[in-house]
Amino acid sequence: MSDDLKSEAVMAREWADITIERWMKRISRLGIGRTGDLVRSFTSAVQADSRGDVQKITFTYLYYGMFVDMGVGRGTTYAQRGNSARVAKPWYSSVVRREVYKLGELMIERHGVSVLKSLRMVEQTINMAL
């Protein structure tokens, strides 16, 4: 299916799946989670309106994953991070920034193409009227 024909909701679903894959790879590279529970907990949902325009993308995973990302937990607060043996393992923050930026680019590209098509139609209409 070409990108022009692909609905925004389908594109968002694919983006969410890629984001989860990248989180899983990052978790593996950082050696996070001996049990695999965090990786198995990943889910996503895309909510779209009746036209297929995305309204919300939601990710869910085990709550403790955020503590690992920030290097806190088990008695270590965010303020104590520098004075503790706990080390931040940024599996979430490093990936989500990059992926949200990529989603923004995809949406700009998608809507930019729509705007250009509309402008071309207006231009053709004006040319026909002349």
N, C-alpha and C. Protein backbone atom coordinates (compact mmCIF):
# COMPACT_ATOMS: atom_id res chain seq x y z
N MET A 1 0.86 -1.18 0.00
CA MET A 1 0.00 0.00 0.00
C MET A 1 0.90 1.23 0.00
N SER A 2 0.63 2.17 -0.87
CA SER A 2 1.45 3.39 -0.93
C SER A 2 1.13 4.28 0.27
N ASP A 3 2.10 5.15 0.60
CA ASP A 3 1.90 6.05 1.74
C ASP A 3 0.72 6.98 1.51
N ASP A 4 0.43 7.34 0.23
CA ASP A 4 -0.70 8.22 -0.05
C ASP A 4 -2.02 7.56 0.32
N LEU A 5 -2.10 6.24 0.11
CA LEU A 5 -3.35 5.53 0.36
C LEU A 5 -3.48 5.05 1.81
N LYS A 6 -2.37 4.98 2.50
CA LYS A 6 -2.36 4.48 3.87
C LYS A 6 -3.03 5.50 4.79
N SER A 7 -3.95 5.05 5.59
CA SER A 7 -4.63 5.97 6.50
C SER A 7 -3.67 6.44 7.58
N GLU A 8 -3.99 7.58 8.14
CA GLU A 8 -3.19 8.13 9.22
C GLU A 8 -3.16 7.17 10.41
N ALA A 9 -4.28 6.51 10.67
CA ALA A 9 -4.35 5.56 11.79
C ALA A 9 -3.44 4.36 11.55
N VAL A 10 -3.39 3.87 10.32
CA VAL A 10 -2.51 2.75 9.98
C VAL A 10 -1.05 3.17 10.14
N MET A 11 -0.74 4.36 9.66
CA MET A 11 0.63 4.88 9.78
C MET A 11 1.01 5.01 11.26
N ALA A 12 0.11 5.50 12.09
CA ALA A 12 0.38 5.65 13.52
C ALA A 12 0.56 4.29 14.19
N ARG A 13 -0.24 3.32 13.79
CA ARG A 13 -0.13 1.95 14.33
C ARG A 13 1.25 1.38 14.00
N GLU A 14 1.69 1.55 12.76
CA GLU A 14 3.01 1.06 12.35
C GLU A 14 4.11 1.78 13.13
N TRP A 15 3.95 3.09 13.30
CA TRP A 15 4.93 3.87 14.07
C TRP A 15 5.01 3.37 15.50
N ALA A 16 3.86 3.11 16.12
CA ALA A 16 3.83 2.61 17.50
C ALA A 16 4.53 1.26 17.60
N ASP A 17 4.30 0.39 16.64
CA ASP A 17 4.96 -0.93 16.64
C ASP A 17 6.48 -0.78 16.53
N ILE A 18 6.93 0.11 15.67
CA ILE A 18 8.37 0.36 15.50
C ILE A 18 8.95 0.93 16.78
N THR A 19 8.24 1.84 17.42
CA THR A 19 8.72 2.43 18.68
C THR A 19 8.90 1.35 19.74
N ILE A 20 7.94 0.45 19.86
CA ILE A 20 8.05 -0.64 20.83
C ILE A 20 9.24 -1.55 20.48
N GLU A 21 9.42 -1.86 19.21
CA GLU A 21 10.57 -2.67 18.79
C GLU A 21 11.88 -2.01 19.21
N ARG A 22 11.97 -0.70 19.02
CA ARG A 22 13.19 0.02 19.38
C ARG A 22 13.41 0.06 20.88
N TRP A 23 12.32 0.17 21.66
CA TRP A 23 12.45 0.09 23.11
C TRP A 23 12.99 -1.28 23.52
N MET A 24 12.46 -2.32 22.90
CA MET A 24 12.89 -3.68 23.23
C MET A 24 14.38 -3.88 22.93
N LYS A 25 14.82 -3.37 21.79
CA LYS A 25 16.24 -3.48 21.43
C LYS A 25 17.11 -2.72 22.42
N ARG A 26 16.65 -1.54 22.81
CA ARG A 26 17.41 -0.71 23.74
C ARG A 26 17.49 -1.39 25.11
N ILE A 27 16.40 -1.97 25.56
CA ILE A 27 16.37 -2.69 26.83
C ILE A 27 17.34 -3.85 26.79
N SER A 28 17.36 -4.57 25.69
CA SER A 28 18.28 -5.69 25.54
C SER A 28 19.73 -5.21 25.56
N ARG A 29 20.03 -4.14 24.82
CA ARG A 29 21.40 -3.61 24.79
C ARG A 29 21.88 -3.15 26.15
N LEU A 30 20.97 -2.58 26.94
CA LEU A 30 21.34 -2.08 28.27
C LEU A 30 21.33 -3.16 29.35
N GLY A 31 20.91 -4.36 28.98
CA GLY A 31 20.88 -5.46 29.95
C GLY A 31 19.83 -5.28 31.03
N ILE A 32 18.70 -4.71 30.68
CA ILE A 32 17.63 -4.45 31.65
C ILE A 32 16.70 -5.65 31.70
N GLY A 33 16.34 -6.05 32.89
CA GLY A 33 15.29 -7.04 33.07
C GLY A 33 15.72 -8.47 32.88
N ARG A 34 15.97 -9.12 33.96
CA ARG A 34 16.34 -10.55 33.90
C ARG A 34 15.13 -11.42 33.59
N THR A 35 13.95 -10.98 33.99
CA THR A 35 12.75 -11.82 33.83
C THR A 35 12.08 -11.64 32.48
N GLY A 36 12.29 -10.51 31.83
CA GLY A 36 11.60 -10.23 30.56
C GLY A 36 10.21 -9.67 30.74
N ASP A 37 9.80 -9.46 31.99
CA ASP A 37 8.45 -8.95 32.26
C ASP A 37 8.21 -7.57 31.63
N LEU A 38 9.20 -6.70 31.71
CA LEU A 38 9.03 -5.35 31.16
C LEU A 38 8.78 -5.41 29.65
N VAL A 39 9.58 -6.15 28.95
CA VAL A 39 9.43 -6.26 27.49
C VAL A 39 8.08 -6.88 27.13
N ARG A 40 7.68 -7.90 27.85
CA ARG A 40 6.39 -8.55 27.56
C ARG A 40 5.20 -7.66 27.89
N SER A 41 5.40 -6.64 28.71
CA SER A 41 4.29 -5.79 29.12
C SER A 41 3.93 -4.72 28.09
N PHE A 42 4.76 -4.51 27.09
CA PHE A 42 4.51 -3.43 26.13
C PHE A 42 3.24 -3.66 25.31
N THR A 43 2.40 -2.63 25.27
CA THR A 43 1.25 -2.60 24.37
C THR A 43 1.08 -1.17 23.89
N SER A 44 0.35 -1.02 22.82
CA SER A 44 0.03 0.32 22.33
C SER A 44 -1.38 0.32 21.78
N ALA A 45 -1.96 1.51 21.73
CA ALA A 45 -3.30 1.68 21.17
C ALA A 45 -3.34 3.00 20.43
N VAL A 46 -3.98 2.98 19.27
CA VAL A 46 -4.16 4.20 18.47
C VAL A 46 -5.64 4.49 18.42
N GLN A 47 -6.00 5.69 18.84
CA GLN A 47 -7.40 6.11 18.78
C GLN A 47 -7.53 7.13 17.66
N ALA A 48 -8.48 6.86 16.75
CA ALA A 48 -8.69 7.74 15.61
C ALA A 48 -10.17 8.10 15.53
N ASP A 49 -10.44 9.23 14.89
CA ASP A 49 -11.84 9.62 14.69
C ASP A 49 -12.40 8.87 13.49
N SER A 50 -13.62 9.18 13.13
CA SER A 50 -14.30 8.45 12.05
C SER A 50 -13.65 8.63 10.68
N ARG A 51 -12.85 9.69 10.52
CA ARG A 51 -12.14 9.90 9.25
C ARG A 51 -10.78 9.23 9.24
N GLY A 52 -10.40 8.62 10.37
CA GLY A 52 -9.09 7.98 10.45
C GLY A 52 -8.00 8.91 10.94
N ASP A 53 -8.36 10.13 11.34
CA ASP A 53 -7.36 11.06 11.87
C ASP A 53 -7.03 10.68 13.31
N VAL A 54 -5.76 10.54 13.58
CA VAL A 54 -5.30 10.09 14.89
C VAL A 54 -5.56 11.16 15.94
N GLN A 55 -6.17 10.73 17.04
CA GLN A 55 -6.44 11.63 18.16
C GLN A 55 -5.51 11.36 19.32
N LYS A 56 -5.07 10.09 19.46
CA LYS A 56 -4.27 9.73 20.62
C LYS A 56 -3.53 8.42 20.36
N ILE A 57 -2.28 8.36 20.81
CA ILE A 57 -1.50 7.12 20.77
C ILE A 57 -1.07 6.86 22.21
N THR A 58 -1.39 5.67 22.72
CA THR A 58 -1.11 5.33 24.10
C THR A 58 -0.19 4.12 24.16
N PHE A 59 0.85 4.21 24.99
CA PHE A 59 1.72 3.08 25.27
C PHE A 59 1.53 2.68 26.72
N THR A 60 1.51 1.38 26.98
CA THR A 60 1.46 0.90 28.36
C THR A 60 2.58 -0.12 28.56
N TYR A 61 3.10 -0.13 29.77
CA TYR A 61 4.16 -1.06 30.17
C TYR A 61 4.23 -1.03 31.68
N LEU A 62 4.96 -1.96 32.24
CA LEU A 62 5.09 -2.01 33.69
C LEU A 62 5.71 -0.73 34.22
N TYR A 63 5.12 -0.23 35.30
CA TYR A 63 5.48 1.06 35.88
C TYR A 63 6.95 1.15 36.28
N TYR A 64 7.51 0.05 36.75
CA TYR A 64 8.89 0.10 37.23
C TYR A 64 9.88 0.45 36.11
N GLY A 65 9.47 0.28 34.87
CA GLY A 65 10.35 0.62 33.75
C GLY A 65 10.80 2.07 33.76
N MET A 66 9.94 2.96 34.21
CA MET A 66 10.31 4.38 34.27
C MET A 66 11.38 4.62 35.34
N PHE A 67 11.32 3.87 36.43
CA PHE A 67 12.33 4.01 37.48
C PHE A 67 13.71 3.59 36.97
N VAL A 68 13.73 2.51 36.20
CA VAL A 68 14.99 2.04 35.62
C VAL A 68 15.54 3.10 34.67
N ASP A 69 14.67 3.69 33.86
CA ASP A 69 15.07 4.73 32.91
C ASP A 69 15.72 5.91 33.63
N MET A 70 15.16 6.29 34.77
CA MET A 70 15.65 7.46 35.51
C MET A 70 16.74 7.14 36.51
N GLY A 71 16.98 5.86 36.79
CA GLY A 71 17.99 5.49 37.78
C GLY A 71 17.54 5.70 39.20
N VAL A 72 16.27 5.51 39.46
CA VAL A 72 15.72 5.68 40.81
C VAL A 72 15.00 4.41 41.22
N GLY A 73 14.54 4.37 42.46
CA GLY A 73 13.80 3.23 42.97
C GLY A 73 14.57 2.52 44.05
N ARG A 74 13.92 1.57 44.71
CA ARG A 74 14.52 0.81 45.81
C ARG A 74 15.22 1.71 46.81
N GLY A 75 14.51 2.76 47.21
CA GLY A 75 15.04 3.66 48.22
C GLY A 75 15.83 4.84 47.68
N THR A 76 16.09 4.88 46.39
CA THR A 76 16.82 6.00 45.79
C THR A 76 15.83 6.94 45.13
N THR A 77 15.80 8.19 45.58
CA THR A 77 14.91 9.19 44.99
C THR A 77 15.62 9.87 43.83
N TYR A 78 14.86 10.63 43.08
CA TYR A 78 15.44 11.36 41.94
C TYR A 78 16.54 12.32 42.41
N ALA A 79 16.34 12.94 43.56
CA ALA A 79 17.33 13.90 44.11
C ALA A 79 18.61 13.19 44.56
N GLN A 80 18.52 11.92 44.89
CA GLN A 80 19.68 11.17 45.39
C GLN A 80 20.45 10.44 44.30
N ARG A 81 20.04 10.57 43.07
CA ARG A 81 20.64 9.77 41.99
C ARG A 81 22.16 9.85 41.93
N GLY A 82 22.74 11.03 42.07
CA GLY A 82 24.19 11.18 41.97
C GLY A 82 24.96 10.55 43.12
N ASN A 83 24.30 10.33 44.24
CA ASN A 83 24.95 9.80 45.44
C ASN A 83 24.60 8.33 45.68
N SER A 84 24.25 7.63 44.66
CA SER A 84 23.78 6.26 44.81
C SER A 84 24.50 5.37 43.80
N ALA A 85 24.43 4.07 44.07
CA ALA A 85 25.01 3.10 43.14
C ALA A 85 24.10 2.86 41.94
N ARG A 86 22.87 3.32 42.05
CA ARG A 86 21.92 3.12 40.94
C ARG A 86 22.30 4.01 39.77
N VAL A 87 22.21 3.45 38.58
CA VAL A 87 22.58 4.16 37.36
C VAL A 87 21.37 4.22 36.44
N ALA A 88 21.13 5.39 35.88
CA ALA A 88 20.03 5.53 34.92
C ALA A 88 20.35 4.69 33.68
N LYS A 89 19.35 3.99 33.20
CA LYS A 89 19.47 3.21 31.96
C LYS A 89 18.38 3.72 31.02
N PRO A 90 18.71 4.74 30.23
CA PRO A 90 17.69 5.44 29.43
C PRO A 90 17.17 4.65 28.23
N TRP A 91 16.33 3.68 28.50
CA TRP A 91 15.72 2.90 27.43
C TRP A 91 14.52 3.65 26.84
N TYR A 92 13.81 4.40 27.66
CA TYR A 92 12.60 5.08 27.23
C TYR A 92 12.89 6.46 26.64
N SER A 93 13.50 7.31 27.45
CA SER A 93 13.65 8.72 27.09
C SER A 93 14.45 8.91 25.81
N SER A 94 15.52 8.16 25.65
CA SER A 94 16.36 8.35 24.46
C SER A 94 15.62 7.93 23.19
N VAL A 95 14.81 6.90 23.29
CA VAL A 95 14.08 6.41 22.11
C VAL A 95 12.86 7.27 21.83
N VAL A 96 12.10 7.62 22.85
CA VAL A 96 10.84 8.33 22.63
C VAL A 96 11.07 9.71 22.00
N ARG A 97 12.12 10.39 22.41
CA ARG A 97 12.41 11.70 21.79
C ARG A 97 12.62 11.56 20.29
N ARG A 98 13.44 10.60 19.92
CA ARG A 98 13.75 10.38 18.51
C ARG A 98 12.50 9.94 17.73
N GLU A 99 11.72 9.04 18.31
CA GLU A 99 10.55 8.51 17.61
C GLU A 99 9.41 9.52 17.50
N VAL A 100 9.22 10.34 18.52
CA VAL A 100 8.19 11.38 18.44
C VAL A 100 8.57 12.39 17.36
N TYR A 101 9.85 12.71 17.27
CA TYR A 101 10.32 13.60 16.20
C TYR A 101 10.01 12.98 14.83
N LYS A 102 10.28 11.68 14.70
CA LYS A 102 10.02 10.98 13.43
C LYS A 102 8.52 10.99 13.11
N LEU A 103 7.67 10.77 14.11
CA LEU A 103 6.22 10.83 13.88
C LEU A 103 5.82 12.21 13.40
N GLY A 104 6.40 13.24 14.01
CA GLY A 104 6.12 14.61 13.57
C GLY A 104 6.50 14.81 12.11
N GLU A 105 7.66 14.29 11.71
CA GLU A 105 8.07 14.40 10.30
C GLU A 105 7.09 13.68 9.38
N LEU A 106 6.65 12.49 9.79
CA LEU A 106 5.69 11.74 8.97
C LEU A 106 4.38 12.50 8.81
N MET A 107 3.91 13.10 9.92
CA MET A 107 2.66 13.86 9.85
C MET A 107 2.81 15.12 9.00
N ILE A 108 3.94 15.79 9.14
CA ILE A 108 4.18 16.98 8.30
C ILE A 108 4.21 16.59 6.83
N GLU A 109 4.92 15.50 6.54
CA GLU A 109 5.00 15.02 5.16
C GLU A 109 3.61 14.67 4.63
N ARG A 110 2.86 13.94 5.45
CA ARG A 110 1.52 13.51 5.03
C ARG A 110 0.59 14.71 4.79
N HIS A 111 0.56 15.63 5.74
CA HIS A 111 -0.35 16.76 5.61
C HIS A 111 0.18 17.79 4.63
N GLY A 112 1.49 17.86 4.50
CA GLY A 112 2.07 18.74 3.49
C GLY A 112 1.68 18.30 2.10
N VAL A 113 1.68 16.99 1.86
CA VAL A 113 1.27 16.46 0.56
C VAL A 113 -0.20 16.78 0.31
N SER A 114 -1.03 16.67 1.34
CA SER A 114 -2.46 16.99 1.20
C SER A 114 -2.65 18.46 0.84
N VAL A 115 -1.89 19.32 1.50
CA VAL A 115 -1.99 20.76 1.22
C VAL A 115 -1.54 21.04 -0.20
N LEU A 116 -0.44 20.41 -0.63
CA LEU A 116 0.04 20.63 -2.01
C LEU A 116 -0.99 20.16 -3.03
N LYS A 117 -1.62 19.01 -2.79
CA LYS A 117 -2.64 18.52 -3.71
C LYS A 117 -3.81 19.51 -3.79
N SER A 118 -4.21 20.04 -2.64
CA SER A 118 -5.30 21.01 -2.62
C SER A 118 -4.91 22.27 -3.39
N LEU A 119 -3.69 22.73 -3.20
CA LEU A 119 -3.22 23.92 -3.91
C LEU A 119 -3.16 23.69 -5.41
N ARG A 120 -2.75 22.50 -5.81
CA ARG A 120 -2.71 22.17 -7.25
C ARG A 120 -4.11 22.17 -7.84
N MET A 121 -5.07 21.66 -7.08
CA MET A 121 -6.46 21.66 -7.57
C MET A 121 -6.96 23.09 -7.72
N VAL A 122 -6.64 23.95 -6.76
CA VAL A 122 -7.05 25.36 -6.84
C VAL A 122 -6.38 26.00 -8.04
N GLU A 123 -5.10 25.72 -8.24
CA GLU A 123 -4.37 26.28 -9.38
C GLU A 123 -4.99 25.83 -10.70
N GLN A 124 -5.33 24.54 -10.79
CA GLN A 124 -5.97 24.03 -12.02
C GLN A 124 -7.32 24.71 -12.25
N THR A 125 -8.07 24.91 -11.20
CA THR A 125 -9.35 25.57 -11.32
C THR A 125 -9.19 27.01 -11.80
N ILE A 126 -8.19 27.70 -11.27
CA ILE A 126 -7.93 29.07 -11.69
C ILE A 126 -7.50 29.10 -13.15
N ASN A 127 -6.62 28.19 -13.55
CA ASN A 127 -6.15 28.13 -14.93
C ASN A 127 -7.30 27.84 -15.91
N MET A 128 -8.24 26.99 -15.49
CA MET A 128 -9.37 26.66 -16.34
C MET A 128 -10.29 27.87 -16.50
N ALA A 129 -10.37 28.70 -15.45
CA ALA A 129 -11.23 29.87 -15.49
C ALA A 129 -10.65 30.98 -16.36
N LEU A 130 -9.35 30.96 -16.57
CA LEU A 130 -8.71 32.03 -17.36
C LEU A 130 -8.88 31.82 -18.80
